[in-house]
Each structure stands twice: as C-alpha cells, then as structure tokens.
C-alpha cells in the first residue's frame, strides 16, 4: 500500500480498495498495537525466566521434570505469590498450556 504511505490515498479509501477494516488499517498505519498478537501471557518474562532457570537447575541435579511437574511448579508459584488465574482450574495450567 505505497499509495497510502505516500499520501495518495486516505486511510478510508485504502481500506475500501484493499477490503481491510478501517480500524485495523488506521491502527497499523499509526503504529498502534493494544495487545500482542496471539494469546495473552499469564506469566511475565521475568517469571518465565525464573521458572525456566529452576527447571534447568532440577535437570542439572539429575531430576528432569515431566510436563505435569512443570504445571505443578507454576501452580505452586502462583499460589505462593497469591495470584489467581481464572483461566486455570484451581491455578493449575491445563495440558494445552505446556506446549504454548
């Protein structure tokens, strides 16, 4: 859509021409991104790093973890920090969470 960038077409005209929702095109053109694409994360990047570090430490000590162990690890972490994640049943991530 170089014509939009060059100012030849308005956002409305470009949206109609390319069959794209005006709001989507407007937000993309102006660099607005409210949320990241895909599902929203439950843990922060720092929390994920801390959990990963702990999992690797268990492995170094000769205690490799299975996916159920990792899920329990996250549940215990959430319980100890007092966070309640309503997407999880009793704060326990589902088996689909493991691969995401």
C-alpha atoms as a PDB file:
ATOM      1  CA  UNK A   1       0.000   0.000   0.000  1.00  0.00           C
ATOM      2  CA  UNK A   2       2.593   2.540  -1.018  1.00  0.00           C
ATOM      3  CA  UNK A   3      -0.177   4.905  -2.122  1.00  0.00           C
ATOM      4  CA  UNK A   4      -1.323   5.193   1.490  1.00  0.00           C
ATOM      5  CA  UNK A   5       2.189   5.838   2.745  1.00  0.00           C
ATOM      6  CA  UNK A   6       2.810   8.418   0.017  1.00  0.00           C
ATOM      7  CA  UNK A   7      -0.419  10.222   0.857  1.00  0.00           C
ATOM      8  CA  UNK A   8      -2.140   9.453  -2.450  1.00  0.00           C
ATOM      9  CA  UNK A   9      -4.945   7.501  -0.755  1.00  0.00           C
ATOM     10  CA  UNK A  10      -6.668   8.270   2.507  1.00  0.00           C
ATOM     11  CA  UNK A  11      -6.975   5.539   5.104  1.00  0.00           C
ATOM     12  CA  UNK A  12     -10.692   5.240   4.290  1.00  0.00           C
ATOM     13  CA  UNK A  13     -10.024   4.875   0.574  1.00  0.00           C
ATOM     14  CA  UNK A  14      -7.229   2.366   1.112  1.00  0.00           C
ATOM     15  CA  UNK A  15      -9.441   0.340   3.457  1.00  0.00           C
ATOM     16  CA  UNK A  16     -12.193   0.166   0.839  1.00  0.00           C
ATOM     17  CA  UNK A  17      -9.774  -0.541  -2.016  1.00  0.00           C
ATOM     18  CA  UNK A  18      -7.979  -3.387  -0.244  1.00  0.00           C
ATOM     19  CA  UNK A  19     -11.014  -4.683   1.682  1.00  0.00           C
ATOM     20  CA  UNK A  20      -9.396  -4.133   5.089  1.00  0.00           C
ATOM     21  CA  UNK A  21     -11.258  -2.852   8.133  1.00  0.00           C
ATOM     22  CA  UNK A  22     -10.664   0.868   8.609  1.00  0.00           C
ATOM     23  CA  UNK A  23      -9.770   0.441  12.295  1.00  0.00           C
ATOM     24  CA  UNK A  24      -7.193  -2.214  11.520  1.00  0.00           C
ATOM     25  CA  UNK A  25      -5.570  -0.128   8.828  1.00  0.00           C
ATOM     26  CA  UNK A  26      -5.667   3.035  10.941  1.00  0.00           C
ATOM     27  CA  UNK A  27      -4.059   1.314  13.921  1.00  0.00           C
ATOM     28  CA  UNK A  28      -1.387  -0.326  11.780  1.00  0.00           C
ATOM     29  CA  UNK A  29      -0.620   2.913   9.922  1.00  0.00           C
ATOM     30  CA  UNK A  30      -0.245   4.859  13.166  1.00  0.00           C
ATOM     31  CA  UNK A  31       1.701   2.107  14.925  1.00  0.00           C
ATOM     32  CA  UNK A  32      -0.995   1.392  17.495  1.00  0.00           C
ATOM     33  CA  UNK A  33      -0.871  -2.067  18.995  1.00  0.00           C
ATOM     34  CA  UNK A  34      -3.006  -2.517  22.049  1.00  0.00           C
ATOM     35  CA  UNK A  35      -2.027  -6.118  22.736  1.00  0.00           C
ATOM     36  CA  UNK A  36       0.493  -8.514  21.342  1.00  0.00           C
ATOM     37  CA  UNK A  37      -0.706 -10.954  18.750  1.00  0.00           C
ATOM     38  CA  UNK A  38      -1.759 -14.402  19.896  1.00  0.00           C
ATOM     39  CA  UNK A  39      -2.927 -15.335  23.345  1.00  0.00           C
ATOM     40  CA  UNK A  40      -2.013 -13.111  26.241  1.00  0.00           C
ATOM     41  CA  UNK A  41       0.620 -14.475  28.580  1.00  0.00           C
ATOM     42  CA  UNK A  42      -0.095 -15.318  32.188  1.00  0.00           C
ATOM     43  CA  UNK A  43       3.457 -15.020  33.456  1.00  0.00           C
ATOM     44  CA  UNK A  44       5.768 -12.080  32.919  1.00  0.00           C
ATOM     45  CA  UNK A  45       9.012 -12.572  31.029  1.00  0.00           C
ATOM     46  CA  UNK A  46      10.938 -12.403  34.320  1.00  0.00           C
ATOM     47  CA  UNK A  47       8.697 -15.034  35.901  1.00  0.00           C
ATOM     48  CA  UNK A  48       9.139 -17.311  32.899  1.00  0.00           C
ATOM     49  CA  UNK A  49      12.914 -16.878  33.097  1.00  0.00           C
ATOM     50  CA  UNK A  50      12.911 -17.688  36.828  1.00  0.00           C
ATOM     51  CA  UNK A  51      10.808 -20.810  36.293  1.00  0.00           C
ATOM     52  CA  UNK A  52      12.986 -21.899  33.377  1.00  0.00           C
ATOM     53  CA  UNK A  53      16.092 -21.406  35.491  1.00  0.00           C
ATOM     54  CA  UNK A  54      14.599 -23.565  38.247  1.00  0.00           C
ATOM     55  CA  UNK A  55      13.631 -26.282  35.770  1.00  0.00           C
ATOM     56  CA  UNK A  56      17.149 -26.314  34.343  1.00  0.00           C
ATOM     57  CA  UNK A  57      18.599 -26.489  37.852  1.00  0.00           C
ATOM     58  CA  UNK A  58      16.453 -29.556  38.583  1.00  0.00           C
ATOM     59  CA  UNK A  59      17.761 -31.113  35.392  1.00  0.00           C
ATOM     60  CA  UNK A  60      21.364 -30.324  36.349  1.00  0.00           C
ATOM     61  CA  UNK A  61      20.787 -32.057  39.681  1.00  0.00           C
ATOM     62  CA  UNK A  62      19.583 -35.166  37.862  1.00  0.00           C
ATOM     63  CA  UNK A  63      15.852 -34.597  38.314  1.00  0.00           C
ATOM     64  CA  UNK A  64      14.394 -33.997  34.861  1.00  0.00           C
ATOM     65  CA  UNK A  65      10.806 -32.800  35.005  1.00  0.00           C
ATOM     66  CA  UNK A  66       7.869 -34.106  33.024  1.00  0.00           C
ATOM     67  CA  UNK A  67       5.220 -31.658  31.763  1.00  0.00           C
ATOM     68  CA  UNK A  68       2.938 -32.390  34.747  1.00  0.00           C
ATOM     69  CA  UNK A  69       5.788 -31.373  37.088  1.00  0.00           C
ATOM     70  CA  UNK A  70       6.194 -28.062  35.276  1.00  0.00           C
ATOM     71  CA  UNK A  71       2.463 -27.385  35.525  1.00  0.00           C
ATOM     72  CA  UNK A  72       2.559 -28.115  39.269  1.00  0.00           C
ATOM     73  CA  UNK A  73       5.613 -25.877  39.574  1.00  0.00           C
ATOM     74  CA  UNK A  74       3.627 -22.996  38.040  1.00  0.00           C
ATOM     75  CA  UNK A  75       0.598 -23.730  40.249  1.00  0.00           C
ATOM     76  CA  UNK A  76       2.700 -23.642  43.409  1.00  0.00           C
ATOM     77  CA  UNK A  77       4.374 -20.423  42.258  1.00  0.00           C
ATOM     78  CA  UNK A  78       1.012 -18.759  41.581  1.00  0.00           C
ATOM     79  CA  UNK A  79      -0.397 -19.958  44.911  1.00  0.00           C
ATOM     80  CA  UNK A  80       2.626 -18.700  46.872  1.00  0.00           C
ATOM     81  CA  UNK A  81       2.503 -15.292  45.202  1.00  0.00           C
ATOM     82  CA  UNK A  82      -1.234 -15.033  45.855  1.00  0.00           C
ATOM     83  CA  UNK A  83      -2.177 -14.734  42.207  1.00  0.00           C
ATOM     84  CA  UNK A  84      -5.368 -16.334  40.929  1.00  0.00           C
ATOM     85  CA  UNK A  85      -5.541 -17.068  37.221  1.00  0.00           C
ATOM     86  CA  UNK A  86      -9.172 -17.645  36.334  1.00  0.00           C
ATOM     87  CA  UNK A  87      -8.259 -19.381  33.080  1.00  0.00           C
ATOM     88  CA  UNK A  88      -6.652 -22.177  35.095  1.00  0.00           C
ATOM     89  CA  UNK A  89      -8.672 -24.633  37.118  1.00  0.00           C
ATOM     90  CA  UNK A  90      -7.508 -24.176  40.732  1.00  0.00           C
ATOM     91  CA  UNK A  91      -4.478 -22.237  39.408  1.00  0.00           C
ATOM     92  CA  UNK A  92      -3.224 -25.356  37.616  1.00  0.00           C
ATOM     93  CA  UNK A  93      -2.413 -24.772  33.938  1.00  0.00           C
ATOM     94  CA  UNK A  94      -4.041 -27.235  31.564  1.00  0.00           C
ATOM     95  CA  UNK A  95      -2.141 -29.706  29.435  1.00  0.00           C
ATOM     96  CA  UNK A  96      -2.617 -27.399  26.426  1.00  0.00           C
ATOM     97  CA  UNK A  97      -0.620 -24.708  28.262  1.00  0.00           C
ATOM     98  CA  UNK A  98       2.554 -26.812  28.250  1.00  0.00           C
ATOM     99  CA  UNK A  99       3.149 -26.542  24.538  1.00  0.00           C
ATOM    100  CA  UNK A 100       2.259 -22.902  24.154  1.00  0.00           C
END
